[in-house]
Amino acid sequence: MDNLIGKKIKKIRMKNNLTQEKLAIKAGVSYTTLTKIESSVIKRPAVQTIAKIAKAMNISIDELIK
């Protein structure tokens, strides 16, 4: 799950034309948390956080962590 998850979130977010701010609001996570996950400052985000982000992007958690 390490730093690949941040890259994957960013890739899917950009594909869906979502800004970090819009995704953070949609997912109910703080903007700071999202940016730290995407830039791999947070290497192991909480499962709940990943679940919120996945749901906001209409994908499964599996798609994010594989």
Protein backbone atom coordinates (compact mmCIF):
# COMPACT_ATOMS: atom_id res chain seq x y z
CA MET A 1 0.00 0.00 0.00
CA ASP A 2 2.97 2.31 0.64
CA ASN A 3 3.64 5.24 -1.70
CA LEU A 4 1.95 3.71 -4.73
CA ILE A 5 -1.44 4.52 -3.24
CA GLY A 6 -0.80 8.26 -3.39
CA LYS A 7 0.24 8.06 -7.03
CA LYS A 8 -2.82 5.98 -7.86
CA ILE A 9 -5.18 8.41 -6.11
CA LYS A 10 -3.62 11.32 -7.99
CA LYS A 11 -3.82 9.51 -11.34
CA ILE A 12 -7.50 8.61 -10.90
CA ARG A 13 -8.33 12.05 -9.49
CA MET A 14 -6.79 13.77 -12.50
CA LYS A 15 -8.48 11.36 -14.92
CA ASN A 16 -11.80 12.37 -13.31
CA ASN A 17 -10.92 16.08 -13.60
CA LEU A 18 -11.10 16.56 -9.84
CA THR A 19 -8.94 19.07 -8.01
CA GLN A 20 -7.41 18.00 -4.71
CA GLU A 21 -9.79 20.39 -2.98
CA LYS A 22 -12.90 18.98 -4.70
CA LEU A 23 -11.89 15.39 -3.95
CA ALA A 24 -11.11 16.21 -0.32
CA ILE A 25 -14.55 17.82 0.12
CA LYS A 26 -16.31 14.98 -1.70
CA ALA A 27 -14.47 12.35 0.35
CA GLY A 28 -14.89 14.18 3.65
CA VAL A 29 -11.16 14.22 4.35
CA SER A 30 -9.03 17.29 4.96
CA TYR A 31 -7.27 18.87 2.01
CA THR A 32 -3.99 18.62 3.90
CA THR A 33 -4.43 14.88 4.46
CA LEU A 34 -5.18 14.29 0.78
CA THR A 35 -2.16 16.29 -0.40
CA LYS A 36 0.09 14.45 2.08
CA ILE A 37 -1.18 11.07 0.86
CA GLU A 38 -0.69 12.03 -2.80
CA SER A 39 2.83 13.31 -2.16
CA SER A 40 3.71 10.25 -0.02
CA VAL A 41 4.28 12.26 3.15
CA ILE A 42 1.66 9.93 4.62
CA LYS A 43 2.81 6.53 3.38
CA ARG A 44 0.25 4.39 5.19
CA PRO A 45 -3.08 6.22 5.32
CA ALA A 46 -5.85 4.88 7.54
CA VAL A 47 -8.17 2.34 5.93
CA GLN A 48 -11.14 4.61 6.71
CA THR A 49 -9.47 7.45 4.80
CA ILE A 50 -8.77 5.22 1.80
CA ALA A 51 -12.37 3.97 1.89
CA LYS A 52 -13.70 7.56 1.83
CA ILE A 53 -11.43 8.54 -1.06
CA ALA A 54 -12.30 5.40 -3.04
CA LYS A 55 -16.04 5.99 -2.50
CA ALA A 56 -15.74 9.63 -3.57
CA MET A 57 -14.06 8.51 -6.81
CA ASN A 58 -16.61 5.70 -7.37
CA ILE A 59 -14.02 2.94 -7.24
CA SER A 60 -13.43 0.03 -4.90
CA ILE A 61 -10.74 0.04 -2.23
CA ASP A 62 -9.23 -2.94 -4.07
CA GLU A 63 -8.68 -0.80 -7.17
CA LEU A 64 -6.68 1.65 -5.09
CA ILE A 65 -4.52 -0.79 -3.18
CA LYS A 66 -3.70 -3.20 -6.03
